[in-house]
Amino acid sequence: LPPKGKSTSGCDSADKKAQGPKGGGNAVKVRHILCEKHGKTMEAMEKLKSGMRFSEYSDKARQMGGDLGWMTRGSMVGPFQEAAFALPVSGMDKPVFTDPPVKTKFGYHIIMVEGRK
């Protein structure tokens, strides 16, 4: 069995560590897949491009779907925030996600935005 909190795929699609202190400004409703290794992230990217949904990538993903909820400017690490606010709003049926993945101190993220306010 994988260690508690780790998925068998080597990726975690609902890692709350990406959240920092609350900030002000606009908000985006964010989903992501987080992998420690670039190779695993690229594997996830290929699966997404071939039609797999975010919510199907790992055990945790099936429960959370990678949903980080509404996040405001200042509540995310720099590169993640820049990418999240640059993405257009999309849905699970036709997701628009970061390609290439975004690297932060937590690993490599594939990000999609489901809402903006």
PDB file of N, CA and C in Angstrom:
ATOM      1  N   LEU A   1       0.844  -1.199   0.000  1.00  0.00           N
ATOM      2  CA  LEU A   1       0.000   0.000   0.000  1.00  0.00           C
ATOM      3  C   LEU A   1       0.877   1.246   0.000  1.00  0.00           C
ATOM      4  N   PRO A   2       0.437   2.290  -0.689  1.00  0.00           N
ATOM      5  CA  PRO A   2       1.217   3.536  -0.678  1.00  0.00           C
ATOM      6  C   PRO A   2       1.109   4.199   0.689  1.00  0.00           C
ATOM      7  N   PRO A   3       2.084   5.029   1.047  1.00  0.00           N
ATOM      8  CA  PRO A   3       1.997   5.751   2.323  1.00  0.00           C
ATOM      9  C   PRO A   3       0.715   6.574   2.385  1.00  0.00           C
ATOM     10  N   LYS A   4       0.238   6.796   3.597  1.00  0.00           N
ATOM     11  CA  LYS A   4      -0.997   7.566   3.770  1.00  0.00           C
ATOM     12  C   LYS A   4      -0.871   8.917   3.079  1.00  0.00           C
ATOM     13  N   GLY A   5      -1.904   9.267   2.311  1.00  0.00           N
ATOM     14  CA  GLY A   5      -1.922  10.557   1.627  1.00  0.00           C
ATOM     15  C   GLY A   5      -1.260  10.528   0.266  1.00  0.00           C
ATOM     16  N   LYS A   6      -0.705   9.385  -0.130  1.00  0.00           N
ATOM     17  CA  LYS A   6      -0.067   9.281  -1.443  1.00  0.00           C
ATOM     18  C   LYS A   6      -0.894   8.364  -2.323  1.00  0.00           C
ATOM     19  N   SER A   7      -1.019   8.706  -3.563  1.00  0.00           N
ATOM     20  CA  SER A   7      -1.741   7.847  -4.495  1.00  0.00           C
ATOM     21  C   SER A   7      -0.765   6.869  -5.120  1.00  0.00           C
ATOM     22  N   THR A   8      -1.280   5.794  -5.637  1.00  0.00           N
ATOM     23  CA  THR A   8      -0.436   4.788  -6.265  1.00  0.00           C
ATOM     24  C   THR A   8       0.148   5.281  -7.575  1.00  0.00           C
ATOM     25  N   SER A   9      -0.408   6.314  -8.168  1.00  0.00           N
ATOM     26  CA  SER A   9       0.094   6.812  -9.447  1.00  0.00           C
ATOM     27  C   SER A   9       1.316   7.711  -9.279  1.00  0.00           C
ATOM     28  N   GLY A  10       1.632   8.100  -8.030  1.00  0.00           N
ATOM     29  CA  GLY A  10       2.738   9.018  -7.803  1.00  0.00           C
ATOM     30  C   GLY A  10       2.317  10.459  -7.962  1.00  0.00           C
ATOM     31  N   CYS A  11       1.033  10.686  -8.169  1.00  0.00           N
ATOM     32  CA  CYS A  11       0.487  12.029  -8.323  1.00  0.00           C
ATOM     33  C   CYS A  11      -0.639  12.212  -7.327  1.00  0.00           C
ATOM     34  N   ASP A  12      -0.861  13.428  -6.924  1.00  0.00           N
ATOM     35  CA  ASP A  12      -1.931  13.744  -5.991  1.00  0.00           C
ATOM     36  C   ASP A  12      -2.747  14.856  -6.612  1.00  0.00           C
ATOM     37  N   SER A  13      -4.006  14.578  -6.895  1.00  0.00           N
ATOM     38  CA  SER A  13      -4.787  15.572  -7.611  1.00  0.00           C
ATOM     39  C   SER A  13      -5.567  16.502  -6.696  1.00  0.00           C
ATOM     40  N   ALA A  14      -5.351  16.437  -5.400  1.00  0.00           N
ATOM     41  CA  ALA A  14      -6.068  17.340  -4.498  1.00  0.00           C
ATOM     42  C   ALA A  14      -5.161  17.768  -3.355  1.00  0.00           C
ATOM     43  N   ASP A  15      -3.927  18.080  -3.644  1.00  0.00           N
ATOM     44  CA  ASP A  15      -2.961  18.422  -2.618  1.00  0.00           C
ATOM     45  C   ASP A  15      -3.208  19.829  -2.096  1.00  0.00           C
ATOM     46  N   LYS A  16      -3.615  19.937  -0.838  1.00  0.00           N
ATOM     47  CA  LYS A  16      -3.948  21.234  -0.254  1.00  0.00           C
ATOM     48  C   LYS A  16      -2.701  22.041   0.107  1.00  0.00           C
ATOM     49  N   LYS A  17      -1.502  21.434   0.047  1.00  0.00           N
ATOM     50  CA  LYS A  17      -0.286  22.170   0.374  1.00  0.00           C
ATOM     51  C   LYS A  17      -0.063  23.342  -0.564  1.00  0.00           C
ATOM     52  N   ALA A  18      -0.672  23.319  -1.724  1.00  0.00           N
ATOM     53  CA  ALA A  18      -0.490  24.402  -2.683  1.00  0.00           C
ATOM     54  C   ALA A  18      -1.156  25.689  -2.201  1.00  0.00           C
ATOM     55  N   GLN A  19      -1.972  25.577  -1.178  1.00  0.00           N
ATOM     56  CA  GLN A  19      -2.650  26.763  -0.662  1.00  0.00           C
ATOM     57  C   GLN A  19      -1.745  27.460   0.344  1.00  0.00           C
ATOM     58  N   GLY A  20      -1.677  28.763   0.251  1.00  0.00           N
ATOM     59  CA  GLY A  20      -0.913  29.556   1.194  1.00  0.00           C
ATOM     60  C   GLY A  20      -1.874  30.373   2.033  1.00  0.00           C
ATOM     61  N   PRO A  21      -1.388  31.444   2.650  1.00  0.00           N
ATOM     62  CA  PRO A  21      -2.286  32.302   3.419  1.00  0.00           C
ATOM     63  C   PRO A  21      -3.306  32.976   2.509  1.00  0.00           C
ATOM     64  N   LYS A  22      -4.450  33.290   3.064  1.00  0.00           N
ATOM     65  CA  LYS A  22      -5.519  33.913   2.267  1.00  0.00           C
ATOM     66  C   LYS A  22      -5.103  35.308   1.819  1.00  0.00           C
ATOM     67  N   GLY A  23      -5.449  35.625   0.582  1.00  0.00           N
ATOM     68  CA  GLY A  23      -5.134  36.944   0.039  1.00  0.00           C
ATOM     69  C   GLY A  23      -6.385  37.580  -0.526  1.00  0.00           C
ATOM     70  N   GLY A  24      -6.272  38.783  -1.029  1.00  0.00           N
ATOM     71  CA  GLY A  24      -7.433  39.463  -1.597  1.00  0.00           C
ATOM     72  C   GLY A  24      -7.420  39.395  -3.103  1.00  0.00           C
ATOM     73  N   GLY A  25      -8.366  40.077  -3.733  1.00  0.00           N
ATOM     74  CA  GLY A  25      -8.392  40.140  -5.187  1.00  0.00           C
ATOM     75  C   GLY A  25      -9.369  39.176  -5.800  1.00  0.00           C
ATOM     76  N   ASN A  26      -9.190  38.934  -7.077  1.00  0.00           N
ATOM     77  CA  ASN A  26     -10.060  38.037  -7.825  1.00  0.00           C
ATOM     78  C   ASN A  26      -9.883  36.604  -7.353  1.00  0.00           C
ATOM     79  N   ALA A  27     -10.855  35.766  -7.690  1.00  0.00           N
ATOM     80  CA  ALA A  27     -10.788  34.361  -7.298  1.00  0.00           C
ATOM     81  C   ALA A  27     -11.024  33.473  -8.507  1.00  0.00           C
ATOM     82  N   VAL A  28     -10.395  32.303  -8.477  1.00  0.00           N
ATOM     83  CA  VAL A  28     -10.607  31.295  -9.509  1.00  0.00           C
ATOM     84  C   VAL A  28     -10.950  29.977  -8.824  1.00  0.00           C
ATOM     85  N   LYS A  29     -11.821  29.197  -9.473  1.00  0.00           N
ATOM     86  CA  LYS A  29     -12.155  27.854  -8.985  1.00  0.00           C
ATOM     87  C   LYS A  29     -11.215  26.907  -9.713  1.00  0.00           C
ATOM     88  N   VAL A  30     -10.312  26.288  -8.958  1.00  0.00           N
ATOM     89  CA  VAL A  30      -9.184  25.564  -9.532  1.00  0.00           C
ATOM     90  C   VAL A  30      -9.242  24.062  -9.270  1.00  0.00           C
ATOM     91  N   ARG A  31      -8.853  23.288 -10.284  1.00  0.00           N
ATOM     92  CA  ARG A  31      -8.566  21.855 -10.144  1.00  0.00           C
ATOM     93  C   ARG A  31      -7.123  21.663 -10.572  1.00  0.00           C
ATOM     94  N   HIS A  32      -6.472  20.656  -9.967  1.00  0.00           N
ATOM     95  CA  HIS A  32      -5.115  20.360 -10.436  1.00  0.00           C
ATOM     96  C   HIS A  32      -4.760  18.903 -10.191  1.00  0.00           C
ATOM     97  N   ILE A  33      -3.730  18.480 -10.895  1.00  0.00           N
ATOM     98  CA  ILE A  33      -3.066  17.209 -10.644  1.00  0.00           C
ATOM     99  C   ILE A  33      -1.638  17.594 -10.300  1.00  0.00           C
ATOM    100  N   LEU A  34      -1.147  17.102  -9.171  1.00  0.00           N
ATOM    101  CA  LEU A  34       0.203  17.420  -8.715  1.00  0.00           C
ATOM    102  C   LEU A  34       1.027  16.147  -8.681  1.00  0.00           C
ATOM    103  N   CYS A  35       2.193  16.187  -9.307  1.00  0.00           N
ATOM    104  CA  CYS A  35       3.124  15.059  -9.301  1.00  0.00           C
ATOM    105  C   CYS A  35       4.492  15.561  -8.853  1.00  0.00           C
ATOM    106  N   GLU A  36       5.188  14.743  -8.080  1.00  0.00           N
ATOM    107  CA  GLU A  36       6.532  15.122  -7.651  1.00  0.00           C
ATOM    108  C   GLU A  36       7.522  15.035  -8.801  1.00  0.00           C
ATOM    109  N   LYS A  37       7.351  14.057  -9.669  1.00  0.00           N
ATOM    110  CA  LYS A  37       8.300  13.809 -10.758  1.00  0.00           C
ATOM    111  C   LYS A  37       7.754  14.310 -12.094  1.00  0.00           C
ATOM    112  N   HIS A  38       8.617  14.929 -12.892  1.00  0.00           N
ATOM    113  CA  HIS A  38       8.223  15.448 -14.202  1.00  0.00           C
ATOM    114  C   HIS A  38       7.687  14.336 -15.095  1.00  0.00           C
ATOM    115  N   GLY A  39       8.312  13.163 -15.054  1.00  0.00           N
ATOM    116  CA  GLY A  39       7.875  12.040 -15.886  1.00  0.00           C
ATOM    117  C   GLY A  39       6.443  11.620 -15.596  1.00  0.00           C
ATOM    118  N   LYS A  40       6.081  11.574 -14.316  1.00  0.00           N
ATOM    119  CA  LYS A  40       4.710  11.215 -13.930  1.00  0.00           C
ATOM    120  C   LYS A  40       3.731  12.276 -14.410  1.00  0.00           C
ATOM    121  N   THR A  41       4.155  13.528 -14.347  1.00  0.00           N
ATOM    122  CA  THR A  41       3.295  14.621 -14.801  1.00  0.00           C
ATOM    123  C   THR A  41       3.043  14.507 -16.300  1.00  0.00           C
ATOM    124  N   MET A  42       4.085  14.186 -17.051  1.00  0.00           N
ATOM    125  CA  MET A  42       3.929  14.056 -18.501  1.00  0.00           C
ATOM    126  C   MET A  42       3.048  12.853 -18.845  1.00  0.00           C
ATOM    127  N   GLU A  43       3.150  11.796 -18.035  1.00  0.00           N
ATOM    128  CA  GLU A  43       2.281  10.627 -18.211  1.00  0.00           C
ATOM    129  C   GLU A  43       0.818  11.037 -17.997  1.00  0.00           C
ATOM    130  N   ALA A  44       0.576  11.815 -16.942  1.00  0.00           N
ATOM    131  CA  ALA A  44      -0.779  12.306 -16.665  1.00  0.00           C
ATOM    132  C   ALA A  44      -1.264  13.203 -17.803  1.00  0.00           C
ATOM    133  N   MET A  45      -0.384  14.061 -18.310  1.00  0.00           N
ATOM    134  CA  MET A  45      -0.728  14.978 -19.399  1.00  0.00           C
ATOM    135  C   MET A  45      -1.167  14.189 -20.634  1.00  0.00           C
ATOM    136  N   GLU A  46      -0.422  13.145 -20.974  1.00  0.00           N
ATOM    137  CA  GLU A  46      -0.776  12.328 -22.139  1.00  0.00           C
ATOM    138  C   GLU A  46      -2.138  11.665 -21.947  1.00  0.00           C
ATOM    139  N   LYS A  47      -2.396  11.189 -20.732  1.00  0.00           N
ATOM    140  CA  LYS A  47      -3.689  10.548 -20.461  1.00  0.00           C
ATOM    141  C   LYS A  47      -4.826  11.560 -20.568  1.00  0.00           C
ATOM    142  N   LEU A  48      -4.602  12.769 -20.077  1.00  0.00           N
ATOM    143  CA  LEU A  48      -5.622  13.817 -20.187  1.00  0.00           C
ATOM    144  C   LEU A  48      -5.882  14.156 -21.651  1.00  0.00           C
ATOM    145  N   LYS A  49      -4.814  14.260 -22.433  1.00  0.00           N
ATOM    146  CA  LYS A  49      -4.962  14.585 -23.854  1.00  0.00           C
ATOM    147  C   LYS A  49      -5.694  13.485 -24.611  1.00  0.00           C
ATOM    148  N   SER A  50      -5.598  12.246 -24.110  1.00  0.00           N
ATOM    149  CA  SER A  50      -6.278  11.130 -24.782  1.00  0.00           C
ATOM    150  C   SER A  50      -7.707  10.950 -24.275  1.00  0.00           C
ATOM    151  N   GLY A  51      -8.169  11.873 -23.430  1.00  0.00           N
ATOM    152  CA  GLY A  51      -9.571  11.857 -23.023  1.00  0.00           C
ATOM    153  C   GLY A  51      -9.860  11.483 -21.585  1.00  0.00           C
ATOM    154  N   MET A  52      -8.849  11.105 -20.802  1.00  0.00           N
ATOM    155  CA  MET A  52      -9.109  10.781 -19.404  1.00  0.00           C
ATOM    156  C   MET A  52      -9.444  12.057 -18.630  1.00  0.00           C
ATOM    157  N   ARG A  53     -10.359  11.942 -17.673  1.00  0.00           N
ATOM    158  CA  ARG A  53     -10.774  13.094 -16.873  1.00  0.00           C
ATOM    159  C   ARG A  53      -9.837  13.291 -15.684  1.00  0.00           C
ATOM    160  N   PHE A  54      -9.758  14.533 -15.200  1.00  0.00           N
ATOM    161  CA  PHE A  54      -8.969  14.834 -14.005  1.00  0.00           C
ATOM    162  C   PHE A  54      -9.352  13.877 -12.876  1.00  0.00           C
ATOM    163  N   SER A  55     -10.640  13.662 -12.709  1.00  0.00           N
ATOM    164  CA  SER A  55     -11.145  12.877 -11.584  1.00  0.00           C
ATOM    165  C   SER A  55     -10.814  11.395 -11.671  1.00  0.00           C
ATOM    166  N   GLU A  56     -10.241  10.950 -12.792  1.00  0.00           N
ATOM    167  CA  GLU A  56      -9.913   9.535 -12.955  1.00  0.00           C
ATOM    168  C   GLU A  56      -8.433   9.240 -12.757  1.00  0.00           C
ATOM    169  N   TYR A  57      -7.607  10.242 -12.484  1.00  0.00           N
ATOM    170  CA  TYR A  57      -6.170   9.992 -12.502  1.00  0.00           C
ATOM    171  C   TYR A  57      -5.625   9.237 -11.299  1.00  0.00           C
ATOM    172  N   SER A  58      -6.102   9.493 -10.091  1.00  0.00           N
ATOM    173  CA  SER A  58      -5.583   8.781  -8.927  1.00  0.00           C
ATOM    174  C   SER A  58      -6.706   8.459  -7.961  1.00  0.00           C
ATOM    175  N   ASP A  59      -6.393   7.653  -6.953  1.00  0.00           N
ATOM    176  CA  ASP A  59      -7.398   7.270  -5.962  1.00  0.00           C
ATOM    177  C   ASP A  59      -8.008   8.500  -5.298  1.00  0.00           C
ATOM    178  N   LYS A  60      -7.161   9.421  -4.866  1.00  0.00           N
ATOM    179  CA  LYS A  60      -7.655  10.648  -4.240  1.00  0.00           C
ATOM    180  C   LYS A  60      -8.478  11.460  -5.227  1.00  0.00           C
ATOM    181  N   ALA A  61      -8.068  11.444  -6.475  1.00  0.00           N
ATOM    182  CA  ALA A  61      -8.764  12.235  -7.492  1.00  0.00           C
ATOM    183  C   ALA A  61     -10.208  11.796  -7.635  1.00  0.00           C
ATOM    184  N   ARG A  62     -10.459  10.495  -7.514  1.00  0.00           N
ATOM    185  CA  ARG A  62     -11.838  10.022  -7.645  1.00  0.00           C
ATOM    186  C   ARG A  62     -12.707  10.590  -6.527  1.00  0.00           C
ATOM    187  N   GLN A  63     -12.113  10.831  -5.363  1.00  0.00           N
ATOM    188  CA  GLN A  63     -12.871  11.390  -4.243  1.00  0.00           C
ATOM    189  C   GLN A  63     -13.002  12.906  -4.362  1.00  0.00           C
ATOM    190  N   MET A  64     -11.916  13.564  -4.712  1.00  0.00           N
ATOM    191  CA  MET A  64     -11.885  15.030  -4.717  1.00  0.00           C
ATOM    192  C   MET A  64     -11.902  15.628  -6.120  1.00  0.00           C
ATOM    193  N   GLY A  65     -11.548  14.854  -7.115  1.00  0.00           N
ATOM    194  CA  GLY A  65     -11.496  15.368  -8.479  1.00  0.00           C
ATOM    195  C   GLY A  65     -10.445  16.441  -8.690  1.00  0.00           C
ATOM    196  N   GLY A  66      -9.476  16.524  -7.771  1.00  0.00           N
ATOM    197  CA  GLY A  66      -8.440  17.543  -7.888  1.00  0.00           C
ATOM    198  C   GLY A  66      -8.923  18.934  -7.547  1.00  0.00           C
ATOM    199  N   ASP A  67     -10.136  19.035  -7.010  1.00  0.00           N
ATOM    200  CA  ASP A  67     -10.769  20.329  -6.757  1.00  0.00           C
ATOM    201  C   ASP A  67     -10.152  21.022  -5.551  1.00  0.00           C
ATOM    202  N   LEU A  68      -9.564  22.184  -5.780  1.00  0.00           N
ATOM    203  CA  LEU A  68      -9.026  23.003  -4.697  1.00  0.00           C
ATOM    204  C   LEU A  68     -10.028  24.073  -4.274  1.00  0.00           C
ATOM    205  N   GLY A  69     -11.140  24.164  -4.984  1.00  0.00           N
ATOM    206  CA  GLY A  69     -12.163  25.152  -4.653  1.00  0.00           C
ATOM    207  C   GLY A  69     -11.772  26.545  -5.122  1.00  0.00           C
ATOM    208  N   TRP A  70     -12.435  27.549  -4.547  1.00  0.00           N
ATOM    209  CA  TRP A  70     -12.177  28.948  -4.911  1.00  0.00           C
ATOM    210  C   TRP A  70     -10.917  29.422  -4.214  1.00  0.00           C
ATOM    211  N   MET A  71      -9.982  29.955  -4.985  1.00  0.00           N
ATOM    212  CA  MET A  71      -8.731  30.470  -4.435  1.00  0.00           C
ATOM    213  C   MET A  71      -8.538  31.905  -4.914  1.00  0.00           C
ATOM    214  N   THR A  72      -8.063  32.738  -4.015  1.00  0.00           N
ATOM    215  CA  THR A  72      -7.885  34.157  -4.328  1.00  0.00           C
ATOM    216  C   THR A  72      -6.424  34.466  -4.618  1.00  0.00           C
ATOM    217  N   ARG A  73      -6.207  35.621  -5.264  1.00  0.00           N
ATOM    218  CA  ARG A  73      -4.831  36.081  -5.489  1.00  0.00           C
ATOM    219  C   ARG A  73      -4.149  36.183  -4.130  1.00  0.00           C
ATOM    220  N   GLY A  74      -2.928  35.697  -4.061  1.00  0.00           N
ATOM    221  CA  GLY A  74      -2.182  35.735  -2.808  1.00  0.00           C
ATOM    222  C   GLY A  74      -2.313  34.454  -1.999  1.00  0.00           C
ATOM    223  N   SER A  75      -3.228  33.569  -2.383  1.00  0.00           N
ATOM    224  CA  SER A  75      -3.408  32.321  -1.630  1.00  0.00           C
ATOM    225  C   SER A  75      -2.692  31.142  -2.283  1.00  0.00           C
ATOM    226  N   MET A  76      -2.035  31.392  -3.419  1.00  0.00           N
ATOM    227  CA  MET A  76      -1.345  30.327  -4.154  1.00  0.00           C
ATOM    228  C   MET A  76       0.119  30.703  -4.330  1.00  0.00           C
ATOM    229  N   VAL A  77       0.975  29.697  -4.520  1.00  0.00           N
ATOM    230  CA  VAL A  77       2.380  29.989  -4.796  1.00  0.00           C
ATOM    231  C   VAL A  77       2.483  30.665  -6.164  1.00  0.00           C
ATOM    232  N   GLY A  78       3.495  31.510  -6.338  1.00  0.00           N
ATOM    233  CA  GLY A  78       3.642  32.370  -7.512  1.00  0.00           C
ATOM    234  C   GLY A  78       3.366  31.754  -8.871  1.00  0.00           C
ATOM    235  N   PRO A  79       4.146  30.741  -9.293  1.00  0.00           N
ATOM    236  CA  PRO A  79       3.934  30.180 -10.637  1.00  0.00           C
ATOM    237  C   PRO A  79       2.544  29.555 -10.810  1.00  0.00           C
ATOM    238  N   PHE A  80       2.032  28.940  -9.746  1.00  0.00           N
ATOM    239  CA  PHE A  80       0.694  28.334  -9.793  1.00  0.00           C
ATOM    240  C   PHE A  80      -0.353  29.425  -9.994  1.00  0.00           C
ATOM    241  N   GLN A  81      -0.224  30.498  -9.218  1.00  0.00           N
ATOM    242  CA  GLN A  81      -1.170  31.615  -9.310  1.00  0.00           C
ATOM    243  C   GLN A  81      -1.136  32.261 -10.689  1.00  0.00           C
ATOM    244  N   GLU A  82       0.057  32.515 -11.213  1.00  0.00           N
ATOM    245  CA  GLU A  82       0.179  33.132 -12.542  1.00  0.00           C
ATOM    246  C   GLU A  82      -0.520  32.283 -13.595  1.00  0.00           C
ATOM    247  N   ALA A  83      -0.291  30.972 -13.538  1.00  0.00           N
ATOM    248  CA  ALA A  83      -0.901  30.068 -14.516  1.00  0.00           C
ATOM    249  C   ALA A  83      -2.416  30.009 -14.345  1.00  0.00           C
ATOM    250  N   ALA A  84      -2.876  29.925 -13.097  1.00  0.00           N
ATOM    251  CA  ALA A  84      -4.317  29.815 -12.836  1.00  0.00           C
ATOM    252  C   ALA A  84      -5.066  31.041 -13.349  1.00  0.00           C
ATOM    253  N   PHE A  85      -4.521  32.231 -13.124  1.00  0.00           N
ATOM    254  CA  PHE A  85      -5.214  33.439 -13.560  1.00  0.00           C
ATOM    255  C   PHE A  85      -5.060  33.691 -15.060  1.00  0.00           C
ATOM    256  N   ALA A  86      -4.110  33.013 -15.707  1.00  0.00           N
ATOM    257  CA  ALA A  86      -3.930  33.161 -17.158  1.00  0.00           C
ATOM    258  C   ALA A  86      -4.826  32.208 -17.950  1.00  0.00           C
ATOM    259  N   LEU A  87      -5.285  31.134 -17.318  1.00  0.00           N
ATOM    260  CA  LEU A  87      -6.104  30.142 -18.020  1.00  0.00           C
ATOM    261  C   LEU A  87      -7.527  30.628 -18.244  1.00  0.00           C
ATOM    262  N   PRO A  88      -8.139  30.217 -19.358  1.00  0.00           N
ATOM    263  CA  PRO A  88      -9.568  30.506 -19.548  1.00  0.00           C
ATOM    264  C   PRO A  88     -10.397  29.543 -18.700  1.00  0.00           C
ATOM    265  N   VAL A  89     -11.624  29.906 -18.427  1.00  0.00           N
ATOM    266  CA  VAL A  89     -12.540  29.026 -17.706  1.00  0.00           C
ATOM    267  C   VAL A  89     -12.933  27.889 -18.644  1.00  0.00           C
ATOM    268  N   SER A  90     -12.914  26.661 -18.128  1.00  0.00           N
ATOM    269  CA  SER A  90     -13.321  25.502 -18.925  1.00  0.00           C
ATOM    270  C   SER A  90     -13.997  24.483 -18.012  1.00  0.00           C
ATOM    271  N   GLY A  91     -14.589  23.471 -18.616  1.00  0.00           N
ATOM    272  CA  GLY A  91     -15.294  22.447 -17.852  1.00  0.00           C
ATOM    273  C   GLY A  91     -14.663  21.086 -18.021  1.00  0.00           C
ATOM    274  N   MET A  92     -15.136  20.121 -17.229  1.00  0.00           N
ATOM    275  CA  MET A  92     -14.593  18.770 -17.270  1.00  0.00           C
ATOM    276  C   MET A  92     -14.845  18.103 -18.626  1.00  0.00           C
ATOM    277  N   ASP A  93     -15.894  18.545 -19.345  1.00  0.00           N
ATOM    278  CA  ASP A  93     -16.189  17.944 -20.647  1.00  0.00           C
ATOM    279  C   ASP A  93     -15.168  18.360 -21.705  1.00  0.00           C
ATOM    280  N   LYS A  94     -14.689  19.606 -21.633  1.00  0.00           N
ATOM    281  CA  LYS A  94     -13.657  20.100 -22.562  1.00  0.00           C
ATOM    282  C   LYS A  94     -12.662  20.943 -21.769  1.00  0.00           C
ATOM    283  N   PRO A  95     -11.810  20.285 -20.970  1.00  0.00           N
ATOM    284  CA  PRO A  95     -10.897  21.053 -20.114  1.00  0.00           C
ATOM    285  C   PRO A  95      -9.789  21.749 -20.898  1.00  0.00           C
ATOM    286  N   VAL A  96      -9.434  22.940 -20.436  1.00  0.00           N
ATOM    287  CA  VAL A  96      -8.261  23.654 -20.935  1.00  0.00           C
ATOM    288  C   VAL A  96      -7.307  23.677 -19.752  1.00  0.00           C
ATOM    289  N   PHE A  97      -6.142  23.063 -19.913  1.00  0.00           N
ATOM    290  CA  PHE A  97      -5.218  22.962 -18.787  1.00  0.00           C
ATOM    291  C   PHE A  97      -3.823  23.423 -19.182  1.00  0.00           C
ATOM    292  N   THR A  98      -2.983  23.641 -18.171  1.00  0.00           N
ATOM    293  CA  THR A  98      -1.624  24.117 -18.411  1.00  0.00           C
ATOM    294  C   THR A  98      -0.828  23.071 -19.177  1.00  0.00           C
ATOM    295  N   ASP A  99      -0.210  23.503 -20.250  1.00  0.00           N
ATOM    296  CA  ASP A  99       0.639  22.638 -21.056  1.00  0.00           C
ATOM    297  C   ASP A  99       1.750  23.507 -21.614  1.00  0.00           C
ATOM    298  N   PRO A 100       2.954  23.411 -21.096  1.00  0.00           N
ATOM    299  CA  PRO A 100       3.457  22.378 -20.203  1.00  0.00           C
ATOM    300  C   PRO A 100       2.988  22.578 -18.765  1.00  0.00           C
ATOM    301  N   PRO A 101       3.195  21.537 -17.917  1.00  0.00           N
ATOM    302  CA  PRO A 101       2.836  21.662 -16.502  1.00  0.00           C
ATOM    303  C   PRO A 101       3.616  22.795 -15.834  1.00  0.00           C
ATOM    304  N   VAL A 102       3.099  23.266 -14.716  1.00  0.00           N
ATOM    305  CA  VAL A 102       3.714  24.361 -13.967  1.00  0.00           C
ATOM    306  C   VAL A 102       4.549  23.777 -12.830  1.00  0.00           C
ATOM    307  N   LYS A 103       5.804  24.228 -12.708  1.00  0.00           N
ATOM    308  CA  LYS A 103       6.673  23.737 -11.637  1.00  0.00           C
ATOM    309  C   LYS A 103       6.626  24.703 -10.462  1.00  0.00           C
ATOM    310  N   THR A 104       6.421  24.149  -9.263  1.00  0.00           N
ATOM    311  CA  THR A 104       6.500  24.918  -8.020  1.00  0.00           C
ATOM    312  C   THR A 104       7.361  24.122  -7.044  1.00  0.00           C
ATOM    313  N   LYS A 105       7.532  24.640  -5.838  1.00  0.00           N
ATOM    314  CA  LYS A 105       8.311  23.918  -4.825  1.00  0.00           C
ATOM    315  C   LYS A 105       7.632  22.611  -4.416  1.00  0.00           C
ATOM    316  N   PHE A 106       6.354  22.438  -4.750  1.00  0.00           N
ATOM    317  CA  PHE A 106       5.618  21.227  -4.396  1.00  0.00           C
ATOM    318  C   PHE A 106       5.745  20.133  -5.449  1.00  0.00           C
ATOM    319  N   GLY A 107       6.141  20.507  -6.668  1.00  0.00           N
ATOM    320  CA  GLY A 107       6.244  19.546  -7.764  1.00  0.00           C
ATOM    321  C   GLY A 107       5.719  20.164  -9.048  1.00  0.00           C
ATOM    322  N   TYR A 108       5.163  19.315  -9.900  1.00  0.00           N
ATOM    323  CA  TYR A 108       4.649  19.739 -11.206  1.00  0.00           C
ATOM    324  C   TYR A 108       3.124  19.672 -11.205  1.00  0.00           C
ATOM    325  N   HIS A 109       2.483  20.748 -11.620  1.00  0.00           N
ATOM    326  CA  HIS A 109       1.027  20.855 -11.599  1.00  0.00           C
ATOM    327  C   HIS A 109       0.453  20.915 -13.010  1.00  0.00           C
ATOM    328  N   ILE A 110      -0.638  20.196 -13.212  1.00  0.00           N
ATOM    329  CA  ILE A 110      -1.484  20.380 -14.390  1.00  0.00           C
ATOM    330  C   ILE A 110      -2.725  21.066 -13.828  1.00  0.00           C
ATOM    331  N   ILE A 111      -2.988  22.275 -14.277  1.00  0.00           N
ATOM    332  CA  ILE A 111      -4.027  23.117 -13.678  1.00  0.00           C
ATOM    333  C   ILE A 111      -5.141  23.379 -14.679  1.00  0.00           C
ATOM    334  N   MET A 112      -6.378  23.402 -14.191  1.00  0.00           N
ATOM    335  CA  MET A 112      -7.505  23.886 -14.992  1.00  0.00           C
ATOM    336  C   MET A 112      -8.356  24.787 -14.109  1.00  0.00           C
ATOM    337  N   VAL A 113      -9.038  25.741 -14.729  1.00  0.00           N
ATOM    338  CA  VAL A 113      -9.883  26.699 -14.017  1.00  0.00           C
ATOM    339  C   VAL A 113     -11.331  26.472 -14.429  1.00  0.00           C
ATOM    340  N   GLU A 114     -12.200  26.264 -13.435  1.00  0.00           N
ATOM    341  CA  GLU A 114     -13.618  26.016 -13.708  1.00  0.00           C
ATOM    342  C   GLU A 114     -14.509  27.227 -13.488  1.00  0.00           C
ATOM    343  N   GLY A 115     -13.974  28.268 -12.860  1.00  0.00           N
ATOM    344  CA  GLY A 115     -14.788  29.452 -12.630  1.00  0.00           C
ATOM    345  C   GLY A 115     -13.916  30.638 -12.272  1.00  0.00           C
ATOM    346  N   ARG A 116     -14.489  31.825 -12.382  1.00  0.00           N
ATOM    347  CA  ARG A 116     -13.761  33.059 -12.073  1.00  0.00           C
ATOM    348  C   ARG A 116     -14.752  34.059 -11.499  1.00  0.00           C
ATOM    349  N   LYS A 117     -14.340  34.764 -10.427  1.00  0.00           N
ATOM    350  CA  LYS A 117     -15.198  35.816  -9.870  1.00  0.00           C
ATOM    351  C   LYS A 117     -14.383  36.920  -9.244  1.00  0.00           C
TER     352      LYS A 117
END
